Amino acid sequence: MNYHAATLLIAGSLGLGACGHGSAPTYTLYRTSSMDGSLRVHWGTFDAHESDPSYNKANCEMAARLLNANMQALNGGTNAESLGFWCEVGRFSDKGPIPDSFTAAFPTDI
């Protein structure tokens, strides 16, 4: 492969890789651990390439609210204060704070 063909191939690859840039930021869904309250358990990553910058955040937060509401329902309507789901911008990290409370809600438009 000559120099010009290699340059075009690399430039084309970079251009395709850049298509996803500027899209919705990645969000990670975390869960606390019932065995160790200081653990941040990775539950899911929301990294869809959408033009709406709030797309991944909205979907992650909806999942967290539903999962928290389900946990409350399983616990007889009470919230186990140290157990819950939450979202953070970016990819998974085992470092960082754990929230004091967790928002819970079932869909209201059904």
PDB file of N, CA and C in Angstrom:
ATOM      1  N   MET A   1       0.862  -1.169   0.000  1.00  0.00           N
ATOM      2  CA  MET A   1       0.000   0.000   0.000  1.00  0.00           C
ATOM      3  C   MET A   1       0.905   1.227   0.000  1.00  0.00           C
ATOM      4  N   ASN A   2       0.589   2.176  -0.870  1.00  0.00           N
ATOM      5  CA  ASN A   2       1.429   3.363  -0.922  1.00  0.00           C
ATOM      6  C   ASN A   2       1.023   4.372   0.152  1.00  0.00           C
ATOM      7  N   TYR A   3       1.829   5.396   0.285  1.00  0.00           N
ATOM      8  CA  TYR A   3       1.652   6.402   1.329  1.00  0.00           C
ATOM      9  C   TYR A   3       0.295   7.091   1.222  1.00  0.00           C
ATOM     10  N   HIS A   4      -0.112   7.485   0.012  1.00  0.00           N
ATOM     11  CA  HIS A   4      -1.369   8.215  -0.168  1.00  0.00           C
ATOM     12  C   HIS A   4      -2.573   7.344   0.170  1.00  0.00           C
ATOM     13  N   ALA A   5      -2.539   6.076  -0.212  1.00  0.00           N
ATOM     14  CA  ALA A   5      -3.646   5.168   0.086  1.00  0.00           C
ATOM     15  C   ALA A   5      -3.746   4.946   1.593  1.00  0.00           C
ATOM     16  N   ALA A   6      -2.611   4.794   2.260  1.00  0.00           N
ATOM     17  CA  ALA A   6      -2.603   4.608   3.714  1.00  0.00           C
ATOM     18  C   ALA A   6      -3.135   5.851   4.417  1.00  0.00           C
ATOM     19  N   THR A   7      -2.752   7.020   3.928  1.00  0.00           N
ATOM     20  CA  THR A   7      -3.229   8.278   4.515  1.00  0.00           C
ATOM     21  C   THR A   7      -4.739   8.400   4.370  1.00  0.00           C
ATOM     22  N   LEU A   8      -5.257   8.068   3.185  1.00  0.00           N
ATOM     23  CA  LEU A   8      -6.705   8.122   2.966  1.00  0.00           C
ATOM     24  C   LEU A   8      -7.433   7.123   3.850  1.00  0.00           C
ATOM     25  N   LEU A   9      -6.884   5.944   4.015  1.00  0.00           N
ATOM     26  CA  LEU A   9      -7.505   4.924   4.851  1.00  0.00           C
ATOM     27  C   LEU A   9      -7.556   5.378   6.307  1.00  0.00           C
ATOM     28  N   ILE A  10      -6.477   5.936   6.802  1.00  0.00           N
ATOM     29  CA  ILE A  10      -6.441   6.424   8.180  1.00  0.00           C
ATOM     30  C   ILE A  10      -7.388   7.605   8.351  1.00  0.00           C
ATOM     31  N   ALA A  11      -7.374   8.548   7.419  1.00  0.00           N
ATOM     32  CA  ALA A  11      -8.261   9.711   7.503  1.00  0.00           C
ATOM     33  C   ALA A  11      -9.720   9.282   7.462  1.00  0.00           C
ATOM     34  N   GLY A  12     -10.040   8.317   6.608  1.00  0.00           N
ATOM     35  CA  GLY A  12     -11.407   7.813   6.536  1.00  0.00           C
ATOM     36  C   GLY A  12     -11.824   7.142   7.822  1.00  0.00           C
ATOM     37  N   SER A  13     -10.930   6.367   8.431  1.00  0.00           N
ATOM     38  CA  SER A  13     -11.236   5.705   9.695  1.00  0.00           C
ATOM     39  C   SER A  13     -11.468   6.712  10.802  1.00  0.00           C
ATOM     40  N   LEU A  14     -10.639   7.743  10.853  1.00  0.00           N
ATOM     41  CA  LEU A  14     -10.819   8.789  11.858  1.00  0.00           C
ATOM     42  C   LEU A  14     -12.127   9.522  11.640  1.00  0.00           C
ATOM     43  N   GLY A  15     -12.476   9.757  10.393  1.00  0.00           N
ATOM     44  CA  GLY A  15     -13.729  10.438  10.085  1.00  0.00           C
ATOM     45  C   GLY A  15     -14.927   9.626  10.528  1.00  0.00           C
ATOM     46  N   LEU A  16     -14.910   8.316  10.311  1.00  0.00           N
ATOM     47  CA  LEU A  16     -16.012   7.462  10.751  1.00  0.00           C
ATOM     48  C   LEU A  16     -16.079   7.413  12.270  1.00  0.00           C
ATOM     49  N   GLY A  17     -14.947   7.352  12.903  1.00  0.00           N
ATOM     50  CA  GLY A  17     -14.926   7.332  14.367  1.00  0.00           C
ATOM     51  C   GLY A  17     -15.443   8.624  14.963  1.00  0.00           C
ATOM     52  N   ALA A  18     -15.284   9.723  14.246  1.00  0.00           N
ATOM     53  CA  ALA A  18     -15.732  11.014  14.746  1.00  0.00           C
ATOM     54  C   ALA A  18     -17.242  11.190  14.612  1.00  0.00           C
ATOM     55  N   CYS A  19     -17.913  10.325  13.841  1.00  0.00           N
ATOM     56  CA  CYS A  19     -19.361  10.459  13.667  1.00  0.00           C
ATOM     57  C   CYS A  19     -20.094  10.387  14.991  1.00  0.00           C
ATOM     58  N   GLY A  20     -19.605   9.603  15.926  1.00  0.00           N
ATOM     59  CA  GLY A  20     -20.274   9.462  17.211  1.00  0.00           C
ATOM     60  C   GLY A  20     -19.972  10.591  18.175  1.00  0.00           C
ATOM     61  N   HIS A  21     -18.931  11.362  17.908  1.00  0.00           N
ATOM     62  CA  HIS A  21     -18.569  12.456  18.801  1.00  0.00           C
ATOM     63  C   HIS A  21     -19.612  13.559  18.720  1.00  0.00           C
ATOM     64  N   GLY A  22     -19.846  14.228  19.835  1.00  0.00           N
ATOM     65  CA  GLY A  22     -20.844  15.263  19.867  1.00  0.00           C
ATOM     66  C   GLY A  22     -22.230  14.706  20.132  1.00  0.00           C
ATOM     67  N   SER A  23     -22.327  13.399  20.292  1.00  0.00           N
ATOM     68  CA  SER A  23     -23.623  12.798  20.574  1.00  0.00           C
ATOM     69  C   SER A  23     -23.860  12.779  22.082  1.00  0.00           C
ATOM     70  N   ALA A  24     -24.917  12.121  22.484  1.00  0.00           N
ATOM     71  CA  ALA A  24     -25.290  12.068  23.901  1.00  0.00           C
ATOM     72  C   ALA A  24     -24.143  11.503  24.734  1.00  0.00           C
ATOM     73  N   PRO A  25     -23.827  12.131  25.875  1.00  0.00           N
ATOM     74  CA  PRO A  25     -22.776  11.609  26.743  1.00  0.00           C
ATOM     75  C   PRO A  25     -23.159  10.240  27.318  1.00  0.00           C
ATOM     76  N   THR A  26     -22.162   9.459  27.643  1.00  0.00           N
ATOM     77  CA  THR A  26     -22.362   8.148  28.256  1.00  0.00           C
ATOM     78  C   THR A  26     -22.759   8.303  29.715  1.00  0.00           C
ATOM     79  N   TYR A  27     -23.690   7.465  30.166  1.00  0.00           N
ATOM     80  CA  TYR A  27     -24.093   7.404  31.574  1.00  0.00           C
ATOM     81  C   TYR A  27     -23.978   5.974  32.049  1.00  0.00           C
ATOM     82  N   THR A  28     -23.625   5.809  33.316  1.00  0.00           N
ATOM     83  CA  THR A  28     -23.514   4.481  33.919  1.00  0.00           C
ATOM     84  C   THR A  28     -24.531   4.359  35.039  1.00  0.00           C
ATOM     85  N   LEU A  29     -25.198   3.206  35.068  1.00  0.00           N
ATOM     86  CA  LEU A  29     -26.160   2.880  36.112  1.00  0.00           C
ATOM     87  C   LEU A  29     -25.434   2.039  37.163  1.00  0.00           C
ATOM     88  N   TYR A  30     -25.470   2.521  38.403  1.00  0.00           N
ATOM     89  CA  TYR A  30     -24.804   1.859  39.523  1.00  0.00           C
ATOM     90  C   TYR A  30     -25.841   1.299  40.494  1.00  0.00           C
ATOM     91  N   ARG A  31     -25.397   0.361  41.308  1.00  0.00           N
ATOM     92  CA  ARG A  31     -26.215  -0.203  42.376  1.00  0.00           C
ATOM     93  C   ARG A  31     -25.338  -0.356  43.604  1.00  0.00           C
ATOM     94  N   THR A  32     -25.946  -0.186  44.759  1.00  0.00           N
ATOM     95  CA  THR A  32     -25.215  -0.445  45.993  1.00  0.00           C
ATOM     96  C   THR A  32     -25.172  -1.950  46.223  1.00  0.00           C
ATOM     97  N   SER A  33     -24.349  -2.362  47.153  1.00  0.00           N
ATOM     98  CA  SER A  33     -24.220  -3.775  47.494  1.00  0.00           C
ATOM     99  C   SER A  33     -24.786  -4.009  48.884  1.00  0.00           C
ATOM    100  N   SER A  34     -25.587  -5.051  49.033  1.00  0.00           N
ATOM    101  CA  SER A  34     -26.124  -5.382  50.358  1.00  0.00           C
ATOM    102  C   SER A  34     -25.045  -5.995  51.249  1.00  0.00           C
ATOM    103  N   MET A  35     -23.951  -6.430  50.649  1.00  0.00           N
ATOM    104  CA  MET A  35     -22.872  -7.056  51.419  1.00  0.00           C
ATOM    105  C   MET A  35     -21.821  -6.053  51.870  1.00  0.00           C
ATOM    106  N   ASP A  36     -21.653  -4.967  51.106  1.00  0.00           N
ATOM    107  CA  ASP A  36     -20.653  -3.950  51.444  1.00  0.00           C
ATOM    108  C   ASP A  36     -21.172  -2.602  50.966  1.00  0.00           C
ATOM    109  N   GLY A  37     -21.610  -1.763  51.872  1.00  0.00           N
ATOM    110  CA  GLY A  37     -22.210  -0.478  51.544  1.00  0.00           C
ATOM    111  C   GLY A  37     -21.296   0.500  50.833  1.00  0.00           C
ATOM    112  N   SER A  38     -20.003   0.217  50.787  1.00  0.00           N
ATOM    113  CA  SER A  38     -19.075   1.134  50.115  1.00  0.00           C
ATOM    114  C   SER A  38     -18.818   0.737  48.660  1.00  0.00           C
ATOM    115  N   LEU A  39     -19.386  -0.392  48.218  1.00  0.00           N
ATOM    116  CA  LEU A  39     -19.161  -0.843  46.840  1.00  0.00           C
ATOM    117  C   LEU A  39     -20.102  -0.146  45.868  1.00  0.00           C
ATOM    118  N   ARG A  40     -19.562   0.203  44.711  1.00  0.00           N
ATOM    119  CA  ARG A  40     -20.332   0.758  43.600  1.00  0.00           C
ATOM    120  C   ARG A  40     -20.394  -0.335  42.539  1.00  0.00           C
ATOM    121  N   VAL A  41     -21.545  -0.978  42.417  1.00  0.00           N
ATOM    122  CA  VAL A  41     -21.693  -2.112  41.509  1.00  0.00           C
ATOM    123  C   VAL A  41     -22.166  -1.616  40.141  1.00  0.00           C
ATOM    124  N   HIS A  42     -21.462  -2.005  39.088  1.00  0.00           N
ATOM    125  CA  HIS A  42     -21.846  -1.631  37.724  1.00  0.00           C
ATOM    126  C   HIS A  42     -23.070  -2.440  37.324  1.00  0.00           C
ATOM    127  N   TRP A  43     -24.139  -1.742  36.909  1.00  0.00           N
ATOM    128  CA  TRP A  43     -25.375  -2.410  36.519  1.00  0.00           C
ATOM    129  C   TRP A  43     -25.612  -2.283  35.020  1.00  0.00           C
ATOM    130  N   GLY A  44     -25.242  -1.134  34.441  1.00  0.00           N
ATOM    131  CA  GLY A  44     -25.436  -0.951  33.004  1.00  0.00           C
ATOM    132  C   GLY A  44     -24.771   0.316  32.509  1.00  0.00           C
ATOM    133  N   THR A  45     -24.513   0.356  31.206  1.00  0.00           N
ATOM    134  CA  THR A  45     -23.920   1.528  30.566  1.00  0.00           C
ATOM    135  C   THR A  45     -24.854   1.995  29.463  1.00  0.00           C
ATOM    136  N   PHE A  46     -25.164   3.262  29.462  1.00  0.00           N
ATOM    137  CA  PHE A  46     -26.025   3.864  28.457  1.00  0.00           C
ATOM    138  C   PHE A  46     -25.140   4.736  27.574  1.00  0.00           C
ATOM    139  N   ASP A  47     -24.836   4.233  26.371  1.00  0.00           N
ATOM    140  CA  ASP A  47     -23.909   4.938  25.495  1.00  0.00           C
ATOM    141  C   ASP A  47     -24.388   4.979  24.049  1.00  0.00           C
ATOM    142  N   ALA A  48     -25.698   5.130  23.861  1.00  0.00           N
ATOM    143  CA  ALA A  48     -26.248   5.228  22.510  1.00  0.00           C
ATOM    144  C   ALA A  48     -25.759   6.505  21.832  1.00  0.00           C
ATOM    145  N   HIS A  49     -25.496   6.422  20.552  1.00  0.00           N
ATOM    146  CA  HIS A  49     -25.059   7.586  19.778  1.00  0.00           C
ATOM    147  C   HIS A  49     -26.302   8.280  19.234  1.00  0.00           C
ATOM    148  N   GLU A  50     -26.848   9.185  20.018  1.00  0.00           N
ATOM    149  CA  GLU A  50     -28.049   9.935  19.660  1.00  0.00           C
ATOM    150  C   GLU A  50     -27.727  11.415  19.610  1.00  0.00           C
ATOM    151  N   SER A  51     -28.466  12.144  18.802  1.00  0.00           N
ATOM    152  CA  SER A  51     -28.221  13.587  18.687  1.00  0.00           C
ATOM    153  C   SER A  51     -28.763  14.345  19.897  1.00  0.00           C
ATOM    154  N   ASP A  52     -29.754  13.795  20.589  1.00  0.00           N
ATOM    155  CA  ASP A  52     -30.313  14.439  21.783  1.00  0.00           C
ATOM    156  C   ASP A  52     -29.330  14.250  22.935  1.00  0.00           C
ATOM    157  N   PRO A  53     -28.733  15.327  23.461  1.00  0.00           N
ATOM    158  CA  PRO A  53     -27.718  15.179  24.503  1.00  0.00           C
ATOM    159  C   PRO A  53     -28.248  14.599  25.818  1.00  0.00           C
ATOM    160  N   SER A  54     -29.560  14.599  26.014  1.00  0.00           N
ATOM    161  CA  SER A  54     -30.109  14.064  27.266  1.00  0.00           C
ATOM    162  C   SER A  54     -30.602  12.626  27.131  1.00  0.00           C
ATOM    163  N   TYR A  55     -30.442  12.019  25.962  1.00  0.00           N
ATOM    164  CA  TYR A  55     -30.990  10.685  25.683  1.00  0.00           C
ATOM    165  C   TYR A  55     -30.484   9.629  26.669  1.00  0.00           C
ATOM    166  N   ASN A  56     -29.183   9.481  26.806  1.00  0.00           N
ATOM    167  CA  ASN A  56     -28.626   8.451  27.689  1.00  0.00           C
ATOM    168  C   ASN A  56     -28.931   8.736  29.155  1.00  0.00           C
ATOM    169  N   LYS A  57     -28.868   9.997  29.538  1.00  0.00           N
ATOM    170  CA  LYS A  57     -29.170  10.376  30.914  1.00  0.00           C
ATOM    171  C   LYS A  57     -30.626  10.035  31.251  1.00  0.00           C
ATOM    172  N   ALA A  58     -31.540  10.415  30.376  1.00  0.00           N
ATOM    173  CA  ALA A  58     -32.968  10.175  30.623  1.00  0.00           C
ATOM    174  C   ALA A  58     -33.265   8.686  30.742  1.00  0.00           C
ATOM    175  N   ASN A  59     -32.677   7.881  29.872  1.00  0.00           N
ATOM    176  CA  ASN A  59     -32.927   6.443  29.922  1.00  0.00           C
ATOM    177  C   ASN A  59     -32.301   5.796  31.151  1.00  0.00           C
ATOM    178  N   CYS A  60     -31.120   6.229  31.527  1.00  0.00           N
ATOM    179  CA  CYS A  60     -30.467   5.700  32.725  1.00  0.00           C
ATOM    180  C   CYS A  60     -31.283   6.054  33.963  1.00  0.00           C
ATOM    181  N   GLU A  61     -31.711   7.314  34.067  1.00  0.00           N
ATOM    182  CA  GLU A  61     -32.473   7.741  35.242  1.00  0.00           C
ATOM    183  C   GLU A  61     -33.833   7.059  35.315  1.00  0.00           C
ATOM    184  N   MET A  62     -34.463   6.807  34.159  1.00  0.00           N
ATOM    185  CA  MET A  62     -35.731   6.096  34.154  1.00  0.00           C
ATOM    186  C   MET A  62     -35.527   4.671  34.680  1.00  0.00           C
ATOM    187  N   ALA A  63     -34.471   4.007  34.224  1.00  0.00           N
ATOM    188  CA  ALA A  63     -34.179   2.648  34.697  1.00  0.00           C
ATOM    189  C   ALA A  63     -33.923   2.655  36.205  1.00  0.00           C
ATOM    190  N   ALA A  64     -33.171   3.626  36.696  1.00  0.00           N
ATOM    191  CA  ALA A  64     -32.877   3.708  38.134  1.00  0.00           C
ATOM    192  C   ALA A  64     -34.163   3.898  38.940  1.00  0.00           C
ATOM    193  N   ARG A  65     -35.040   4.807  38.502  1.00  0.00           N
ATOM    194  CA  ARG A  65     -36.308   5.034  39.217  1.00  0.00           C
ATOM    195  C   ARG A  65     -37.163   3.772  39.256  1.00  0.00           C
ATOM    196  N   LEU A  66     -37.252   3.075  38.121  1.00  0.00           N
ATOM    197  CA  LEU A  66     -38.047   1.844  38.056  1.00  0.00           C
ATOM    198  C   LEU A  66     -37.463   0.751  38.958  1.00  0.00           C
ATOM    199  N   LEU A  67     -36.164   0.583  38.911  1.00  0.00           N
ATOM    200  CA  LEU A  67     -35.525  -0.436  39.746  1.00  0.00           C
ATOM    201  C   LEU A  67     -35.674  -0.116  41.227  1.00  0.00           C
ATOM    202  N   ASN A  68     -35.549   1.161  41.591  1.00  0.00           N
ATOM    203  CA  ASN A  68     -35.738   1.555  42.991  1.00  0.00           C
ATOM    204  C   ASN A  68     -37.179   1.336  43.433  1.00  0.00           C
ATOM    205  N   ALA A  69     -38.147   1.672  42.571  1.00  0.00           N
ATOM    206  CA  ALA A  69     -39.557   1.449  42.907  1.00  0.00           C
ATOM    207  C   ALA A  69     -39.835  -0.040  43.063  1.00  0.00           C
ATOM    208  N   ASN A  70     -39.232  -0.848  42.226  1.00  0.00           N
ATOM    209  CA  ASN A  70     -39.401  -2.296  42.327  1.00  0.00           C
ATOM    210  C   ASN A  70     -38.813  -2.820  43.634  1.00  0.00           C
ATOM    211  N   MET A  71     -37.667  -2.298  44.030  1.00  0.00           N
ATOM    212  CA  MET A  71     -37.065  -2.708  45.307  1.00  0.00           C
ATOM    213  C   MET A  71     -37.978  -2.337  46.470  1.00  0.00           C
ATOM    214  N   GLN A  72     -38.583  -1.149  46.402  1.00  0.00           N
ATOM    215  CA  GLN A  72     -39.511  -0.731  47.456  1.00  0.00           C
ATOM    216  C   GLN A  72     -40.714  -1.668  47.505  1.00  0.00           C
ATOM    217  N   ALA A  73     -41.245  -2.025  46.345  1.00  0.00           N
ATOM    218  CA  ALA A  73     -42.402  -2.922  46.293  1.00  0.00           C
ATOM    219  C   ALA A  73     -42.053  -4.288  46.881  1.00  0.00           C
ATOM    220  N   LEU A  74     -40.859  -4.757  46.600  1.00  0.00           N
ATOM    221  CA  LEU A  74     -40.430  -6.054  47.141  1.00  0.00           C
ATOM    222  C   LEU A  74     -40.215  -6.005  48.646  1.00  0.00           C
ATOM    223  N   ASN A  75     -39.915  -4.806  49.173  1.00  0.00           N
ATOM    224  CA  ASN A  75     -39.682  -4.635  50.610  1.00  0.00           C
ATOM    225  C   ASN A  75     -40.947  -4.170  51.331  1.00  0.00           C
ATOM    226  N   GLY A  76     -42.110  -4.433  50.766  1.00  0.00           N
ATOM    227  CA  GLY A  76     -43.357  -4.068  51.420  1.00  0.00           C
ATOM    228  C   GLY A  76     -43.625  -2.582  51.443  1.00  0.00           C
ATOM    229  N   GLY A  77     -43.142  -1.843  50.447  1.00  0.00           N
ATOM    230  CA  GLY A  77     -43.401  -0.417  50.359  1.00  0.00           C
ATOM    231  C   GLY A  77     -42.389   0.458  51.072  1.00  0.00           C
ATOM    232  N   THR A  78     -41.443  -0.161  51.751  1.00  0.00           N
ATOM    233  CA  THR A  78     -40.418   0.638  52.420  1.00  0.00           C
ATOM    234  C   THR A  78     -39.130   0.592  51.606  1.00  0.00           C
ATOM    235  N   ASN A  79     -38.378   1.634  51.730  1.00  0.00           N
ATOM    236  CA  ASN A  79     -37.118   1.721  51.008  1.00  0.00           C
ATOM    237  C   ASN A  79     -35.978   1.321  51.934  1.00  0.00           C
ATOM    238  N   ALA A  80     -35.246   0.300  51.552  1.00  0.00           N
ATOM    239  CA  ALA A  80     -34.038  -0.055  52.295  1.00  0.00           C
ATOM    240  C   ALA A  80     -33.033   1.060  52.016  1.00  0.00           C
ATOM    241  N   GLU A  81     -32.812   1.918  52.986  1.00  0.00           N
ATOM    242  CA  GLU A  81     -32.086   3.169  52.753  1.00  0.00           C
ATOM    243  C   GLU A  81     -30.694   3.004  52.175  1.00  0.00           C
ATOM    244  N   SER A  82     -30.040   1.902  52.459  1.00  0.00           N
ATOM    245  CA  SER A  82     -28.680   1.753  51.965  1.00  0.00           C
ATOM    246  C   SER A  82     -28.622   1.036  50.618  1.00  0.00           C
ATOM    247  N   LEU A  83     -29.772   0.570  50.097  1.00  0.00           N
ATOM    248  CA  LEU A  83     -29.775  -0.151  48.827  1.00  0.00           C
ATOM    249  C   LEU A  83     -30.483   0.683  47.764  1.00  0.00           C
ATOM    250  N   GLY A  84     -29.867   0.784  46.596  1.00  0.00           N
ATOM    251  CA  GLY A  84     -30.515   1.529  45.541  1.00  0.00           C
ATOM    252  C   GLY A  84     -29.675   1.635  44.283  1.00  0.00           C
ATOM    253  N   PHE A  85     -30.293   2.244  43.281  1.00  0.00           N
ATOM    254  CA  PHE A  85     -29.694   2.453  41.965  1.00  0.00           C
ATOM    255  C   PHE A  85     -29.572   3.950  41.712  1.00  0.00           C
ATOM    256  N   TRP A  86     -28.533   4.345  41.001  1.00  0.00           N
ATOM    257  CA  TRP A  86     -28.350   5.745  40.606  1.00  0.00           C
ATOM    258  C   TRP A  86     -27.498   5.814  39.351  1.00  0.00           C
ATOM    259  N   CYS A  87     -27.495   6.991  38.717  1.00  0.00           N
ATOM    260  CA  CYS A  87     -26.756   7.205  37.471  1.00  0.00           C
ATOM    261  C   CYS A  87     -25.683   8.262  37.655  1.00  0.00           C
ATOM    262  N   GLU A  88     -24.615   8.099  36.896  1.00  0.00           N
ATOM    263  CA  GLU A  88     -23.540   9.089  36.843  1.00  0.00           C
ATOM    264  C   GLU A  88     -23.082   9.227  35.410  1.00  0.00           C
ATOM    265  N   VAL A  89     -22.682  10.428  35.040  1.00  0.00           N
ATOM    266  CA  VAL A  89     -22.148  10.651  33.713  1.00  0.00           C
ATOM    267  C   VAL A  89     -20.783   9.966  33.608  1.00  0.00           C
ATOM    268  N   GLY A  90     -20.503   9.398  32.444  1.00  0.00           N
ATOM    269  CA  GLY A  90     -19.222   8.741  32.193  1.00  0.00           C
ATOM    270  C   GLY A  90     -19.303   7.230  32.309  1.00  0.00           C
ATOM    271  N   ARG A  91     -18.184   6.613  32.054  1.00  0.00           N
ATOM    272  CA  ARG A  91     -18.075   5.153  32.139  1.00  0.00           C
ATOM    273  C   ARG A  91     -17.878   4.734  33.591  1.00  0.00           C
ATOM    274  N   PHE A  92     -18.009   3.442  33.857  1.00  0.00           N
ATOM    275  CA  PHE A  92     -17.918   2.912  35.214  1.00  0.00           C
ATOM    276  C   PHE A  92     -16.618   3.309  35.900  1.00  0.00           C
ATOM    277  N   SER A  93     -16.763   3.636  37.178  1.00  0.00           N
ATOM    278  CA  SER A  93     -15.615   3.876  38.045  1.00  0.00           C
ATOM    279  C   SER A  93     -15.942   3.296  39.411  1.00  0.00           C
ATOM    280  N   ASP A  94     -14.994   2.584  39.990  1.00  0.00           N
ATOM    281  CA  ASP A  94     -15.245   2.027  41.326  1.00  0.00           C
ATOM    282  C   ASP A  94     -14.967   3.056  42.428  1.00  0.00           C
ATOM    283  N   LYS A  95     -14.574   4.249  42.033  1.00  0.00           N
ATOM    284  CA  LYS A  95     -14.314   5.333  42.981  1.00  0.00           C
ATOM    285  C   LYS A  95     -15.412   6.385  42.867  1.00  0.00           C
ATOM    286  N   GLY A  96     -15.792   6.955  43.999  1.00  0.00           N
ATOM    287  CA  GLY A  96     -16.779   8.020  43.983  1.00  0.00           C
ATOM    288  C   GLY A  96     -17.790   7.848  45.090  1.00  0.00           C
ATOM    289  N   PRO A  97     -18.613   8.869  45.284  1.00  0.00           N
ATOM    290  CA  PRO A  97     -19.598   8.835  46.371  1.00  0.00           C
ATOM    291  C   PRO A  97     -20.790   7.936  46.045  1.00  0.00           C
ATOM    292  N   ILE A  98     -21.463   7.504  47.087  1.00  0.00           N
ATOM    293  CA  ILE A  98     -22.713   6.764  46.968  1.00  0.00           C
ATOM    294  C   ILE A  98     -23.804   7.677  47.517  1.00  0.00           C
ATOM    295  N   PRO A  99     -24.888   7.867  46.775  1.00  0.00           N
ATOM    296  CA  PRO A  99     -25.945   8.786  47.231  1.00  0.00           C
ATOM    297  C   PRO A  99     -26.551   8.373  48.570  1.00  0.00           C
ATOM    298  N   ASP A 100     -27.098   9.368  49.272  1.00  0.00           N
ATOM    299  CA  ASP A 100     -27.774   9.122  50.548  1.00  0.00           C
ATOM    300  C   ASP A 100     -29.197   8.618  50.346  1.00  0.00           C
ATOM    301  N   SER A 101     -29.798   8.941  49.188  1.00  0.00           N
ATOM    302  CA  SER A 101     -31.165   8.515  48.909  1.00  0.00           C
ATOM    303  C   SER A 101     -31.293   8.183  47.426  1.00  0.00           C
ATOM    304  N   PHE A 102     -32.359   7.458  47.091  1.00  0.00           N
ATOM    305  CA  PHE A 102     -32.538   6.979  45.730  1.00  0.00           C
ATOM    306  C   PHE A 102     -33.967   7.272  45.266  1.00  0.00           C
ATOM    307  N   THR A 103     -34.103   7.974  44.151  1.00  0.00           N
ATOM    308  CA  THR A 103     -35.418   8.320  43.602  1.00  0.00           C
ATOM    309  C   THR A 103     -36.089   7.075  43.050  1.00  0.00           C
ATOM    310  N   ALA A 104     -37.383   6.913  43.377  1.00  0.00           N
ATOM    311  CA  ALA A 104     -38.130   5.737  42.919  1.00  0.00           C
ATOM    312  C   ALA A 104     -39.468   6.169  42.356  1.00  0.00           C
ATOM    313  N   ALA A 105     -39.841   5.606  41.205  1.00  0.00           N
ATOM    314  CA  ALA A 105     -41.141   5.901  40.607  1.00  0.00           C
ATOM    315  C   ALA A 105     -41.460   4.893  39.523  1.00  0.00           C
ATOM    316  N   PHE A 106     -42.699   4.467  39.498  1.00  0.00           N
ATOM    317  CA  PHE A 106     -43.199   3.669  38.394  1.00  0.00           C
ATOM    318  C   PHE A 106     -43.729   4.635  37.336  1.00  0.00           C
ATOM    319  N   PRO A 107     -43.822   4.221  36.078  1.00  0.00           N
ATOM    320  CA  PRO A 107     -44.359   5.114  35.042  1.00  0.00           C
ATOM    321  C   PRO A 107     -45.783   5.550  35.381  1.00  0.00           C
ATOM    322  N   THR A 108     -46.079   6.804  35.113  1.00  0.00           N
ATOM    323  CA  THR A 108     -47.417   7.328  35.419  1.00  0.00           C
ATOM    324  C   THR A 108     -48.255   7.522  34.174  1.00  0.00           C
ATOM    325  N   ASP A 109     -47.663   7.309  33.004  1.00  0.00           N
ATOM    326  CA  ASP A 109     -48.410   7.546  31.767  1.00  0.00           C
ATOM    327  C   ASP A 109     -48.965   6.272  31.152  1.00  0.00           C
ATOM    328  N   ILE A 110     -49.012   5.199  31.907  1.00  0.00           N
ATOM    329  CA  ILE A 110     -49.527   3.931  31.385  1.00  0.00           C
ATOM    330  C   ILE A 110     -50.952   3.730  31.869  1.00  0.00           C
TER     331      ILE A 110
END
